[in-house]
């Protein structure tokens, strides 16, 4: 059976990541999270992370998700919105539905490492 990565391609994943961040930055609720962020670097990390999640040969060597997002105060609502934009970008680029469902599963698994309600971030 082909891996999720084999059902896509690195080029498609890069296109998905570009589309995803364009959509995120178009959203007035989400854009502030990215003020002052090196977007090119972030995109490279996201491509590597997504390739890794899909079973590709890339090894993600960035911060762990909890550490990378700990001081951002990401709400559940914003997390769901970001996840929805990623899923939309995958579907717009013709990702196999099995790949999309895998990404949705992983988003659910890592939610607790990323979401920090304002009261949690302050405490």
PDB file of N, CA and C in Angstrom:
ATOM      1  N   UNK A   1       0.840  -1.194   0.000  1.00  0.00           N
ATOM      2  CA  UNK A   1       0.000   0.000   0.000  1.00  0.00           C
ATOM      3  C   UNK A   1       0.881   1.252   0.000  1.00  0.00           C
ATOM      4  N   UNK A   2       0.533   2.205  -0.814  1.00  0.00           N
ATOM      5  CA  UNK A   2       1.286   3.456  -0.906  1.00  0.00           C
ATOM      6  C   UNK A   2       1.088   4.281   0.364  1.00  0.00           C
ATOM      7  N   UNK A   3       2.161   4.957   0.776  1.00  0.00           N
ATOM      8  CA  UNK A   3       2.051   5.851   1.931  1.00  0.00           C
ATOM      9  C   UNK A   3       1.244   7.081   1.525  1.00  0.00           C
ATOM     10  N   UNK A   4       0.800   7.816   2.523  1.00  0.00           N
ATOM     11  CA  UNK A   4       0.091   9.062   2.237  1.00  0.00           C
ATOM     12  C   UNK A   4       0.992   9.989   1.426  1.00  0.00           C
ATOM     13  N   UNK A   5       2.274   9.988   1.749  1.00  0.00           N
ATOM     14  CA  UNK A   5       3.242  10.825   1.039  1.00  0.00           C
ATOM     15  C   UNK A   5       3.310  10.433  -0.432  1.00  0.00           C
ATOM     16  N   UNK A   6       3.318   9.133  -0.699  1.00  0.00           N
ATOM     17  CA  UNK A   6       3.389   8.652  -2.078  1.00  0.00           C
ATOM     18  C   UNK A   6       2.124   8.990  -2.865  1.00  0.00           C
ATOM     19  N   UNK A   7       1.032   9.229  -2.156  1.00  0.00           N
ATOM     20  CA  UNK A   7      -0.221   9.605  -2.820  1.00  0.00           C
ATOM     21  C   UNK A   7      -0.252  11.094  -3.163  1.00  0.00           C
ATOM     22  N   UNK A   8       0.754  11.823  -2.705  1.00  0.00           N
ATOM     23  CA  UNK A   8       0.877  13.244  -3.030  1.00  0.00           C
ATOM     24  C   UNK A   8       2.243  13.423  -3.685  1.00  0.00           C
ATOM     25  N   UNK A   9       2.816  14.579  -3.551  1.00  0.00           N
ATOM     26  CA  UNK A   9       4.185  14.817  -4.012  1.00  0.00           C
ATOM     27  C   UNK A   9       4.722  16.007  -3.243  1.00  0.00           C
ATOM     28  N   UNK A  10       6.043  16.096  -3.177  1.00  0.00           N
ATOM     29  CA  UNK A  10       6.649  17.224  -2.472  1.00  0.00           C
ATOM     30  C   UNK A  10       6.225  18.540  -3.117  1.00  0.00           C
ATOM     31  N   UNK A  11       6.127  18.557  -4.444  1.00  0.00           N
ATOM     32  CA  UNK A  11       5.710  19.789  -5.137  1.00  0.00           C
ATOM     33  C   UNK A  11       4.287  20.160  -4.753  1.00  0.00           C
ATOM     34  N   UNK A  12       3.403  19.177  -4.697  1.00  0.00           N
ATOM     35  CA  UNK A  12       2.019  19.443  -4.291  1.00  0.00           C
ATOM     36  C   UNK A  12       1.977  19.951  -2.866  1.00  0.00           C
ATOM     37  N   UNK A  13       2.765  19.353  -2.000  1.00  0.00           N
ATOM     38  CA  UNK A  13       2.780  19.784  -0.600  1.00  0.00           C
ATOM     39  C   UNK A  13       3.253  21.230  -0.501  1.00  0.00           C
ATOM     40  N   UNK A  14       4.257  21.605  -1.268  1.00  0.00           N
ATOM     41  CA  UNK A  14       4.712  23.010  -1.267  1.00  0.00           C
ATOM     42  C   UNK A  14       3.595  23.936  -1.743  1.00  0.00           C
ATOM     43  N   UNK A  15       2.877  23.527  -2.778  1.00  0.00           N
ATOM     44  CA  UNK A  15       1.758  24.339  -3.277  1.00  0.00           C
ATOM     45  C   UNK A  15       0.654  24.446  -2.230  1.00  0.00           C
ATOM     46  N   UNK A  16       0.376  23.349  -1.555  1.00  0.00           N
ATOM     47  CA  UNK A  16      -0.636  23.352  -0.490  1.00  0.00           C
ATOM     48  C   UNK A  16      -0.219  24.322   0.607  1.00  0.00           C
ATOM     49  N   UNK A  17       1.039  24.269   1.012  1.00  0.00           N
ATOM     50  CA  UNK A  17       1.528  25.149   2.079  1.00  0.00           C
ATOM     51  C   UNK A  17       1.451  26.612   1.643  1.00  0.00           C
ATOM     52  N   UNK A  18       1.817  26.912   0.410  1.00  0.00           N
ATOM     53  CA  UNK A  18       1.706  28.295  -0.088  1.00  0.00           C
ATOM     54  C   UNK A  18       0.256  28.767  -0.046  1.00  0.00           C
ATOM     55  N   UNK A  19      -0.654  27.950  -0.532  1.00  0.00           N
ATOM     56  CA  UNK A  19      -2.082  28.303  -0.546  1.00  0.00           C
ATOM     57  C   UNK A  19      -2.611  28.445   0.874  1.00  0.00           C
ATOM     58  N   UNK A  20      -2.210  27.537   1.736  1.00  0.00           N
ATOM     59  CA  UNK A  20      -2.632  27.554   3.133  1.00  0.00           C
ATOM     60  C   UNK A  20      -2.231  28.868   3.805  1.00  0.00           C
ATOM     61  N   UNK A  21      -0.963  29.256   3.684  1.00  0.00           N
ATOM     62  CA  UNK A  21      -0.527  30.486   4.348  1.00  0.00           C
ATOM     63  C   UNK A  21      -1.137  31.726   3.707  1.00  0.00           C
ATOM     64  N   UNK A  22      -1.390  31.697   2.407  1.00  0.00           N
ATOM     65  CA  UNK A  22      -2.084  32.825   1.769  1.00  0.00           C
ATOM     66  C   UNK A  22      -3.467  32.988   2.389  1.00  0.00           C
ATOM     67  N   UNK A  23      -4.163  31.880   2.605  1.00  0.00           N
ATOM     68  CA  UNK A  23      -5.502  31.931   3.206  1.00  0.00           C
ATOM     69  C   UNK A  23      -5.438  32.377   4.662  1.00  0.00           C
ATOM     70  N   UNK A  24      -4.464  31.871   5.399  1.00  0.00           N
ATOM     71  CA  UNK A  24      -4.313  32.255   6.807  1.00  0.00           C
ATOM     72  C   UNK A  24      -4.060  33.754   6.915  1.00  0.00           C
ATOM     73  N   UNK A  25      -3.173  34.269   6.076  1.00  0.00           N
ATOM     74  CA  UNK A  25      -2.830  35.690   6.146  1.00  0.00           C
ATOM     75  C   UNK A  25      -3.941  36.588   5.625  1.00  0.00           C
ATOM     76  N   UNK A  26      -4.882  36.025   4.886  1.00  0.00           N
ATOM     77  CA  UNK A  26      -6.059  36.777   4.438  1.00  0.00           C
ATOM     78  C   UNK A  26      -7.124  36.870   5.524  1.00  0.00           C
ATOM     79  N   UNK A  27      -6.991  36.088   6.564  1.00  0.00           N
ATOM     80  CA  UNK A  27      -7.992  36.061   7.626  1.00  0.00           C
ATOM     81  C   UNK A  27      -7.602  37.060   8.717  1.00  0.00           C
ATOM     82  N   UNK A  28      -8.434  38.074   8.964  1.00  0.00           N
ATOM     83  CA  UNK A  28      -8.070  39.102   9.945  1.00  0.00           C
ATOM     84  C   UNK A  28      -7.920  38.574  11.372  1.00  0.00           C
ATOM     85  N   UNK A  29      -8.567  37.456  11.698  1.00  0.00           N
ATOM     86  CA  UNK A  29      -8.415  36.877  13.034  1.00  0.00           C
ATOM     87  C   UNK A  29      -7.100  36.119  13.183  1.00  0.00           C
ATOM     88  N   UNK A  30      -6.601  35.567  12.096  1.00  0.00           N
ATOM     89  CA  UNK A  30      -5.408  34.725  12.150  1.00  0.00           C
ATOM     90  C   UNK A  30      -4.124  35.474  11.823  1.00  0.00           C
ATOM     91  N   UNK A  31      -4.216  36.481  10.990  1.00  0.00           N
ATOM     92  CA  UNK A  31      -3.025  37.208  10.541  1.00  0.00           C
ATOM     93  C   UNK A  31      -2.157  37.717  11.694  1.00  0.00           C
ATOM     94  N   UNK A  32      -2.734  38.238  12.785  1.00  0.00           N
ATOM     95  CA  UNK A  32      -1.890  38.760  13.863  1.00  0.00           C
ATOM     96  C   UNK A  32      -0.931  37.729  14.477  1.00  0.00           C
ATOM     97  N   UNK A  33      -1.275  36.459  14.414  1.00  0.00           N
ATOM     98  CA  UNK A  33      -0.376  35.432  14.943  1.00  0.00           C
ATOM     99  C   UNK A  33       0.949  35.393  14.177  1.00  0.00           C
ATOM    100  N   UNK A  34       0.963  35.943  12.981  1.00  0.00           N
ATOM    101  CA  UNK A  34       2.125  35.829  12.110  1.00  0.00           C
ATOM    102  C   UNK A  34       2.881  37.141  11.943  1.00  0.00           C
ATOM    103  N   UNK A  35       2.499  38.171  12.704  1.00  0.00           N
ATOM    104  CA  UNK A  35       3.222  39.441  12.664  1.00  0.00           C
ATOM    105  C   UNK A  35       4.676  39.210  13.070  1.00  0.00           C
ATOM    106  N   UNK A  36       5.588  39.694  12.256  1.00  0.00           N
ATOM    107  CA  UNK A  36       7.007  39.594  12.569  1.00  0.00           C
ATOM    108  C   UNK A  36       7.617  38.218  12.353  1.00  0.00           C
ATOM    109  N   UNK A  37       6.867  37.294  11.774  1.00  0.00           N
ATOM    110  CA  UNK A  37       7.352  35.932  11.555  1.00  0.00           C
ATOM    111  C   UNK A  37       8.053  35.853  10.200  1.00  0.00           C
ATOM    112  N   UNK A  38       9.161  35.138  10.154  1.00  0.00           N
ATOM    113  CA  UNK A  38       9.855  34.870   8.896  1.00  0.00           C
ATOM    114  C   UNK A  38       9.032  33.823   8.151  1.00  0.00           C
ATOM    115  N   UNK A  39       8.181  34.292   7.247  1.00  0.00           N
ATOM    116  CA  UNK A  39       7.223  33.415   6.585  1.00  0.00           C
ATOM    117  C   UNK A  39       7.909  32.370   5.703  1.00  0.00           C
ATOM    118  N   UNK A  40       8.986  32.744   5.033  1.00  0.00           N
ATOM    119  CA  UNK A  40       9.691  31.773   4.184  1.00  0.00           C
ATOM    120  C   UNK A  40      10.220  30.617   5.035  1.00  0.00           C
ATOM    121  N   UNK A  41      10.774  30.937   6.177  1.00  0.00           N
ATOM    122  CA  UNK A  41      11.287  29.903   7.095  1.00  0.00           C
ATOM    123  C   UNK A  41      10.138  29.044   7.620  1.00  0.00           C
ATOM    124  N   UNK A  42       9.056  29.688   8.007  1.00  0.00           N
ATOM    125  CA  UNK A  42       7.898  28.967   8.530  1.00  0.00           C
ATOM    126  C   UNK A  42       7.330  28.012   7.477  1.00  0.00           C
ATOM    127  N   UNK A  43       7.257  28.469   6.239  1.00  0.00           N
ATOM    128  CA  UNK A  43       6.759  27.610   5.158  1.00  0.00           C
ATOM    129  C   UNK A  43       7.663  26.394   4.970  1.00  0.00           C
ATOM    130  N   UNK A  44       8.977  26.609   5.036  1.00  0.00           N
ATOM    131  CA  UNK A  44       9.902  25.473   4.898  1.00  0.00           C
ATOM    132  C   UNK A  44       9.662  24.457   6.005  1.00  0.00           C
ATOM    133  N   UNK A  45       9.489  24.955   7.236  1.00  0.00           N
ATOM    134  CA  UNK A  45       9.207  24.054   8.363  1.00  0.00           C
ATOM    135  C   UNK A  45       7.892  23.310   8.151  1.00  0.00           C
ATOM    136  N   UNK A  46       6.887  24.015   7.670  1.00  0.00           N
ATOM    137  CA  UNK A  46       5.572  23.399   7.469  1.00  0.00           C
ATOM    138  C   UNK A  46       5.621  22.340   6.374  1.00  0.00           C
ATOM    139  N   UNK A  47       6.351  22.608   5.297  1.00  0.00           N
ATOM    140  CA  UNK A  47       6.495  21.608   4.235  1.00  0.00           C
ATOM    141  C   UNK A  47       7.149  20.352   4.806  1.00  0.00           C
ATOM    142  N   UNK A  48       8.229  20.531   5.551  1.00  0.00           N
ATOM    143  CA  UNK A  48       8.922  19.384   6.140  1.00  0.00           C
ATOM    144  C   UNK A  48       8.020  18.646   7.113  1.00  0.00           C
ATOM    145  N   UNK A  49       7.313  19.376   7.952  1.00  0.00           N
ATOM    146  CA  UNK A  49       6.417  18.754   8.927  1.00  0.00           C
ATOM    147  C   UNK A  49       5.310  17.979   8.228  1.00  0.00           C
ATOM    148  N   UNK A  50       4.694  18.581   7.236  1.00  0.00           N
ATOM    149  CA  UNK A  50       3.601  17.913   6.531  1.00  0.00           C
ATOM    150  C   UNK A  50       4.108  16.676   5.775  1.00  0.00           C
ATOM    151  N   UNK A  51       5.264  16.797   5.135  1.00  0.00           N
ATOM    152  CA  UNK A  51       5.845  15.625   4.464  1.00  0.00           C
ATOM    153  C   UNK A  51       6.101  14.507   5.471  1.00  0.00           C
ATOM    154  N   UNK A  52       6.628  14.856   6.625  1.00  0.00           N
ATOM    155  CA  UNK A  52       6.900  13.868   7.669  1.00  0.00           C
ATOM    156  C   UNK A  52       5.618  13.210   8.164  1.00  0.00           C
ATOM    157  N   UNK A  53       4.594  14.014   8.418  1.00  0.00           N
ATOM    158  CA  UNK A  53       3.296  13.505   8.882  1.00  0.00           C
ATOM    159  C   UNK A  53       2.699  12.532   7.870  1.00  0.00           C
ATOM    160  N   UNK A  54       2.970  12.773   6.595  1.00  0.00           N
ATOM    161  CA  UNK A  54       2.414  11.925   5.538  1.00  0.00           C
ATOM    162  C   UNK A  54       3.277  10.698   5.248  1.00  0.00           C
ATOM    163  N   UNK A  55       4.370  10.540   6.015  1.00  0.00           N
ATOM    164  CA  UNK A  55       5.204   9.352   5.857  1.00  0.00           C
ATOM    165  C   UNK A  55       6.335   9.509   4.866  1.00  0.00           C
ATOM    166  N   UNK A  56       6.676  10.746   4.544  1.00  0.00           N
ATOM    167  CA  UNK A  56       7.770  10.998   3.610  1.00  0.00           C
ATOM    168  C   UNK A  56       9.122  10.860   4.282  1.00  0.00           C
ATOM    169  N   UNK A  57      10.182  10.984   3.499  1.00  0.00           N
ATOM    170  CA  UNK A  57      11.532  10.798   4.037  1.00  0.00           C
ATOM    171  C   UNK A  57      12.050  11.992   4.838  1.00  0.00           C
ATOM    172  N   UNK A  58      11.370  13.123   4.761  1.00  0.00           N
ATOM    173  CA  UNK A  58      11.816  14.318   5.461  1.00  0.00           C
ATOM    174  C   UNK A  58      11.714  14.117   6.970  1.00  0.00           C
ATOM    175  N   UNK A  59      12.670  14.680   7.677  1.00  0.00           N
ATOM    176  CA  UNK A  59      12.661  14.616   9.137  1.00  0.00           C
ATOM    177  C   UNK A  59      12.481  16.034   9.655  1.00  0.00           C
ATOM    178  N   UNK A  60      11.403  16.256  10.402  1.00  0.00           N
ATOM    179  CA  UNK A  60      11.149  17.575  10.979  1.00  0.00           C
ATOM    180  C   UNK A  60      12.073  17.755  12.172  1.00  0.00           C
ATOM    181  N   UNK A  61      12.881  18.812  12.140  1.00  0.00           N
ATOM    182  CA  UNK A  61      13.840  19.065  13.210  1.00  0.00           C
ATOM    183  C   UNK A  61      13.593  20.396  13.904  1.00  0.00           C
ATOM    184  N   UNK A  62      12.415  20.957  13.715  1.00  0.00           N
ATOM    185  CA  UNK A  62      12.075  22.214  14.371  1.00  0.00           C
ATOM    186  C   UNK A  62      11.680  21.977  15.819  1.00  0.00           C
ATOM    187  N   UNK A  63      11.238  23.041  16.456  1.00  0.00           N
ATOM    188  CA  UNK A  63      10.752  22.927  17.829  1.00  0.00           C
ATOM    189  C   UNK A  63       9.580  21.964  17.892  1.00  0.00           C
ATOM    190  N   UNK A  64       9.401  21.353  19.033  1.00  0.00           N
ATOM    191  CA  UNK A  64       8.206  20.521  19.163  1.00  0.00           C
ATOM    192  C   UNK A  64       7.007  21.465  19.174  1.00  0.00           C
ATOM    193  N   UNK A  65       5.857  20.951  18.779  1.00  0.00           N
ATOM    194  CA  UNK A  65       4.682  21.802  18.561  1.00  0.00           C
ATOM    195  C   UNK A  65       4.270  22.574  19.808  1.00  0.00           C
ATOM    196  N   UNK A  66       4.349  21.956  20.970  1.00  0.00           N
ATOM    197  CA  UNK A  66       3.968  22.648  22.206  1.00  0.00           C
ATOM    198  C   UNK A  66       4.900  23.832  22.461  1.00  0.00           C
ATOM    199  N   UNK A  67       6.204  23.616  22.315  1.00  0.00           N
ATOM    200  CA  UNK A  67       7.166  24.698  22.537  1.00  0.00           C
ATOM    201  C   UNK A  67       7.014  25.811  21.502  1.00  0.00           C
ATOM    202  N   UNK A  68       6.795  25.431  20.259  1.00  0.00           N
ATOM    203  CA  UNK A  68       6.686  26.420  19.183  1.00  0.00           C
ATOM    204  C   UNK A  68       5.468  27.322  19.346  1.00  0.00           C
ATOM    205  N   UNK A  69       4.433  26.822  20.003  1.00  0.00           N
ATOM    206  CA  UNK A  69       3.175  27.568  20.095  1.00  0.00           C
ATOM    207  C   UNK A  69       2.828  28.018  21.517  1.00  0.00           C
ATOM    208  N   UNK A  70       3.695  27.773  22.479  1.00  0.00           N
ATOM    209  CA  UNK A  70       3.344  27.967  23.881  1.00  0.00           C
ATOM    210  C   UNK A  70       2.933  29.384  24.265  1.00  0.00           C
ATOM    211  N   UNK A  71       3.524  30.388  23.695  1.00  0.00           N
ATOM    212  CA  UNK A  71       3.225  31.765  24.105  1.00  0.00           C
ATOM    213  C   UNK A  71       2.294  32.492  23.135  1.00  0.00           C
ATOM    214  N   UNK A  72       1.666  31.765  22.240  1.00  0.00           N
ATOM    215  CA  UNK A  72       0.854  32.406  21.209  1.00  0.00           C
ATOM    216  C   UNK A  72      -0.596  32.611  21.621  1.00  0.00           C
ATOM    217  N   UNK A  73      -1.054  31.935  22.652  1.00  0.00           N
ATOM    218  CA  UNK A  73      -2.441  32.101  23.094  1.00  0.00           C
ATOM    219  C   UNK A  73      -3.455  31.672  22.048  1.00  0.00           C
ATOM    220  N   UNK A  74      -3.169  30.604  21.335  1.00  0.00           N
ATOM    221  CA  UNK A  74      -4.056  30.138  20.263  1.00  0.00           C
ATOM    222  C   UNK A  74      -5.328  29.553  20.868  1.00  0.00           C
ATOM    223  N   UNK A  75      -6.453  30.075  20.430  1.00  0.00           N
ATOM    224  CA  UNK A  75      -7.743  29.600  20.934  1.00  0.00           C
ATOM    225  C   UNK A  75      -8.203  28.385  20.133  1.00  0.00           C
ATOM    226  N   UNK A  76      -9.129  27.655  20.706  1.00  0.00           N
ATOM    227  CA  UNK A  76      -9.712  26.523  20.001  1.00  0.00           C
ATOM    228  C   UNK A  76     -10.365  26.948  18.699  1.00  0.00           C
ATOM    229  N   UNK A  77     -11.058  28.074  18.741  1.00  0.00           N
ATOM    230  CA  UNK A  77     -11.727  28.587  17.538  1.00  0.00           C
ATOM    231  C   UNK A  77     -10.724  28.872  16.425  1.00  0.00           C
ATOM    232  N   UNK A  78      -9.617  29.508  16.780  1.00  0.00           N
ATOM    233  CA  UNK A  78      -8.607  29.826  15.775  1.00  0.00           C
ATOM    234  C   UNK A  78      -7.911  28.566  15.273  1.00  0.00           C
ATOM    235  N   UNK A  79      -7.694  27.603  16.154  1.00  0.00           N
ATOM    236  CA  UNK A  79      -7.082  26.341  15.744  1.00  0.00           C
ATOM    237  C   UNK A  79      -7.970  25.633  14.725  1.00  0.00           C
ATOM    238  N   UNK A  80      -9.263  25.600  15.009  1.00  0.00           N
ATOM    239  CA  UNK A  80     -10.200  24.949  14.084  1.00  0.00           C
ATOM    240  C   UNK A  80     -10.212  25.668  12.732  1.00  0.00           C
ATOM    241  N   UNK A  81     -10.118  26.986  12.783  1.00  0.00           N
ATOM    242  CA  UNK A  81     -10.115  27.767  11.543  1.00  0.00           C
ATOM    243  C   UNK A  81      -8.863  27.453  10.723  1.00  0.00           C
ATOM    244  N   UNK A  82      -7.712  27.410  11.379  1.00  0.00           N
ATOM    245  CA  UNK A  82      -6.458  27.092  10.695  1.00  0.00           C
ATOM    246  C   UNK A  82      -6.514  25.676  10.118  1.00  0.00           C
ATOM    247  N   UNK A  83      -6.996  24.733  10.907  1.00  0.00           N
ATOM    248  CA  UNK A  83      -7.124  23.362  10.421  1.00  0.00           C
ATOM    249  C   UNK A  83      -8.030  23.275   9.208  1.00  0.00           C
ATOM    250  N   UNK A  84      -9.124  24.014   9.247  1.00  0.00           N
ATOM    251  CA  UNK A  84     -10.046  24.038   8.115  1.00  0.00           C
ATOM    252  C   UNK A  84      -9.395  24.599   6.861  1.00  0.00           C
ATOM    253  N   UNK A  85      -8.560  25.616   7.032  1.00  0.00           N
ATOM    254  CA  UNK A  85      -7.862  26.198   5.879  1.00  0.00           C
ATOM    255  C   UNK A  85      -6.846  25.220   5.292  1.00  0.00           C
ATOM    256  N   UNK A  86      -6.196  24.451   6.157  1.00  0.00           N
ATOM    257  CA  UNK A  86      -5.256  23.444   5.665  1.00  0.00           C
ATOM    258  C   UNK A  86      -5.993  22.353   4.885  1.00  0.00           C
ATOM    259  N   UNK A  87      -7.096  21.897   5.429  1.00  0.00           N
ATOM    260  CA  UNK A  87      -7.897  20.872   4.751  1.00  0.00           C
ATOM    261  C   UNK A  87      -8.408  21.395   3.403  1.00  0.00           C
ATOM    262  N   UNK A  88      -8.874  22.630   3.385  1.00  0.00           N
ATOM    263  CA  UNK A  88      -9.342  23.234   2.133  1.00  0.00           C
ATOM    264  C   UNK A  88      -8.216  23.299   1.110  1.00  0.00           C
ATOM    265  N   UNK A  89      -7.029  23.721   1.544  1.00  0.00           N
ATOM    266  CA  UNK A  89      -5.884  23.803   0.622  1.00  0.00           C
ATOM    267  C   UNK A  89      -5.534  22.423   0.070  1.00  0.00           C
ATOM    268  N   UNK A  90      -5.579  21.410   0.911  1.00  0.00           N
ATOM    269  CA  UNK A  90      -5.308  20.045   0.445  1.00  0.00           C
ATOM    270  C   UNK A  90      -6.321  19.625  -0.620  1.00  0.00           C
ATOM    271  N   UNK A  91      -7.579  19.859  -0.330  1.00  0.00           N
ATOM    272  CA  UNK A  91      -8.630  19.459  -1.281  1.00  0.00           C
ATOM    273  C   UNK A  91      -8.544  20.257  -2.578  1.00  0.00           C
ATOM    274  N   UNK A  92      -8.242  21.552  -2.476  1.00  0.00           N
ATOM    275  CA  UNK A  92      -8.120  22.386  -3.677  1.00  0.00           C
ATOM    276  C   UNK A  92      -6.991  21.914  -4.586  1.00  0.00           C
ATOM    277  N   UNK A  93      -5.993  21.268  -4.002  1.00  0.00           N
ATOM    278  CA  UNK A  93      -4.870  20.766  -4.792  1.00  0.00           C
ATOM    279  C   UNK A  93      -5.027  19.285  -5.129  1.00  0.00           C
ATOM    280  N   UNK A  94      -6.234  18.766  -4.962  1.00  0.00           N
ATOM    281  CA  UNK A  94      -6.530  17.410  -5.411  1.00  0.00           C
ATOM    282  C   UNK A  94      -5.987  16.301  -4.548  1.00  0.00           C
ATOM    283  N   UNK A  95      -5.724  16.592  -3.281  1.00  0.00           N
ATOM    284  CA  UNK A  95      -5.223  15.537  -2.394  1.00  0.00           C
ATOM    285  C   UNK A  95      -6.249  14.418  -2.279  1.00  0.00           C
ATOM    286  N   UNK A  96      -5.757  13.214  -2.263  1.00  0.00           N
ATOM    287  CA  UNK A  96      -6.587  12.031  -2.062  1.00  0.00           C
ATOM    288  C   UNK A  96      -7.338  12.185  -0.732  1.00  0.00           C
ATOM    289  N   UNK A  97      -8.601  11.814  -0.701  1.00  0.00           N
ATOM    290  CA  UNK A  97      -9.411  11.993   0.514  1.00  0.00           C
ATOM    291  C   UNK A  97      -8.836  11.215   1.697  1.00  0.00           C
ATOM    292  N   UNK A  98      -8.180  10.108   1.430  1.00  0.00           N
ATOM    293  CA  UNK A  98      -7.534   9.348   2.502  1.00  0.00           C
ATOM    294  C   UNK A  98      -6.414  10.175   3.148  1.00  0.00           C
ATOM    295  N   UNK A  99      -5.690  10.923   2.337  1.00  0.00           N
ATOM    296  CA  UNK A  99      -4.640  11.816   2.832  1.00  0.00           C
ATOM    297  C   UNK A  99      -5.273  12.919   3.675  1.00  0.00           C
ATOM    298  N   UNK A 100      -6.350  13.505   3.177  1.00  0.00           N
ATOM    299  CA  UNK A 100      -7.048  14.569   3.903  1.00  0.00           C
ATOM    300  C   UNK A 100      -7.523  14.050   5.260  1.00  0.00           C
ATOM    301  N   UNK A 101      -8.110  12.882   5.288  1.00  0.00           N
ATOM    302  CA  UNK A 101      -8.611  12.324   6.549  1.00  0.00           C
ATOM    303  C   UNK A 101      -7.471  12.043   7.525  1.00  0.00           C
ATOM    304  N   UNK A 102      -6.326  11.619   7.009  1.00  0.00           N
ATOM    305  CA  UNK A 102      -5.160  11.408   7.873  1.00  0.00           C
ATOM    306  C   UNK A 102      -4.720  12.729   8.505  1.00  0.00           C
ATOM    307  N   UNK A 103      -4.674  13.781   7.706  1.00  0.00           N
ATOM    308  CA  UNK A 103      -4.287  15.099   8.230  1.00  0.00           C
ATOM    309  C   UNK A 103      -5.294  15.559   9.281  1.00  0.00           C
ATOM    310  N   UNK A 104      -6.574  15.355   9.047  1.00  0.00           N
ATOM    311  CA  UNK A 104      -7.600  15.721  10.031  1.00  0.00           C
ATOM    312  C   UNK A 104      -7.374  14.954  11.333  1.00  0.00           C
ATOM    313  N   UNK A 105      -7.047  13.677  11.242  1.00  0.00           N
ATOM    314  CA  UNK A 105      -6.768  12.869  12.433  1.00  0.00           C
ATOM    315  C   UNK A 105      -5.574  13.426  13.194  1.00  0.00           C
ATOM    316  N   UNK A 106      -4.507  13.738  12.478  1.00  0.00           N
ATOM    317  CA  UNK A 106      -3.306  14.278  13.120  1.00  0.00           C
ATOM    318  C   UNK A 106      -3.604  15.634  13.755  1.00  0.00           C
ATOM    319  N   UNK A 107      -4.380  16.471  13.079  1.00  0.00           N
ATOM    320  CA  UNK A 107      -4.760  17.763  13.667  1.00  0.00           C
ATOM    321  C   UNK A 107      -5.473  17.556  14.999  1.00  0.00           C
ATOM    322  N   UNK A 108      -6.324  16.562  15.074  1.00  0.00           N
ATOM    323  CA  UNK A 108      -7.003  16.252  16.326  1.00  0.00           C
ATOM    324  C   UNK A 108      -6.042  15.772  17.399  1.00  0.00           C
ATOM    325  N   UNK A 109      -5.045  14.995  16.999  1.00  0.00           N
ATOM    326  CA  UNK A 109      -4.081  14.448  17.950  1.00  0.00           C
ATOM    327  C   UNK A 109      -3.165  15.515  18.544  1.00  0.00           C
ATOM    328  N   UNK A 110      -2.827  16.534  17.780  1.00  0.00           N
ATOM    329  CA  UNK A 110      -1.874  17.543  18.260  1.00  0.00           C
ATOM    330  C   UNK A 110      -2.553  18.800  18.802  1.00  0.00           C
ATOM    331  N   UNK A 111      -3.855  18.845  18.759  1.00  0.00           N
ATOM    332  CA  UNK A 111      -4.600  20.033  19.190  1.00  0.00           C
ATOM    333  C   UNK A 111      -4.198  20.487  20.593  1.00  0.00           C
ATOM    334  N   UNK A 112      -4.112  19.555  21.513  1.00  0.00           N
ATOM    335  CA  UNK A 112      -3.789  19.891  22.897  1.00  0.00           C
ATOM    336  C   UNK A 112      -2.411  20.501  23.083  1.00  0.00           C
ATOM    337  N   UNK A 113      -1.494  20.224  22.172  1.00  0.00           N
ATOM    338  CA  UNK A 113      -0.153  20.795  22.257  1.00  0.00           C
ATOM    339  C   UNK A 113      -0.112  22.234  21.759  1.00  0.00           C
ATOM    340  N   UNK A 114      -1.116  22.632  21.000  1.00  0.00           N
ATOM    341  CA  UNK A 114      -1.092  23.942  20.348  1.00  0.00           C
ATOM    342  C   UNK A 114      -2.082  24.926  20.950  1.00  0.00           C
ATOM    343  N   UNK A 115      -3.263  24.466  21.296  1.00  0.00           N
ATOM    344  CA  UNK A 115      -4.311  25.363  21.785  1.00  0.00           C
ATOM    345  C   UNK A 115      -4.004  25.790  23.211  1.00  0.00           C
ATOM    346  N   UNK A 116      -4.004  27.084  23.404  1.00  0.00           N
ATOM    347  CA  UNK A 116      -3.830  27.677  24.733  1.00  0.00           C
ATOM    348  C   UNK A 116      -4.832  28.808  24.835  1.00  0.00           C
ATOM    349  N   UNK A 117      -5.894  28.561  25.541  1.00  0.00           N
ATOM    350  CA  UNK A 117      -6.858  29.633  25.752  1.00  0.00           C
ATOM    351  C   UNK A 117      -6.130  30.770  26.461  1.00  0.00           C
ATOM    352  N   UNK A 118      -6.592  32.007  26.303  1.00  0.00           N
ATOM    353  CA  UNK A 118      -5.896  33.132  26.931  1.00  0.00           C
ATOM    354  C   UNK A 118      -5.598  32.922  28.414  1.00  0.00           C
ATOM    355  N   UNK A 119      -6.514  32.322  29.151  1.00  0.00           N
ATOM    356  CA  UNK A 119      -6.271  32.103  30.580  1.00  0.00           C
ATOM    357  C   UNK A 119      -5.163  31.079  30.796  1.00  0.00           C
ATOM    358  N   UNK A 120      -5.040  30.086  29.899  1.00  0.00           N
ATOM    359  CA  UNK A 120      -3.983  29.084  30.014  1.00  0.00           C
ATOM    360  C   UNK A 120      -2.628  29.689  29.673  1.00  0.00           C
ATOM    361  N   UNK A 121      -2.605  30.574  28.675  1.00  0.00           N
ATOM    362  CA  UNK A 121      -1.348  31.182  28.255  1.00  0.00           C
ATOM    363  C   UNK A 121      -0.808  32.097  29.346  1.00  0.00           C
ATOM    364  N   UNK A 122      -1.711  32.750  30.072  1.00  0.00           N
ATOM    365  CA  UNK A 122      -1.289  33.679  31.120  1.00  0.00           C
ATOM    366  C   UNK A 122      -0.848  32.939  32.372  1.00  0.00           C
ATOM    367  N   UNK A 123      -1.376  31.739  32.573  1.00  0.00           N
ATOM    368  CA  UNK A 123      -1.110  31.014  33.807  1.00  0.00           C
ATOM    369  C   UNK A 123       0.066  30.193  33.691  1.00  0.00           C
TER     370      UNK A 123
END
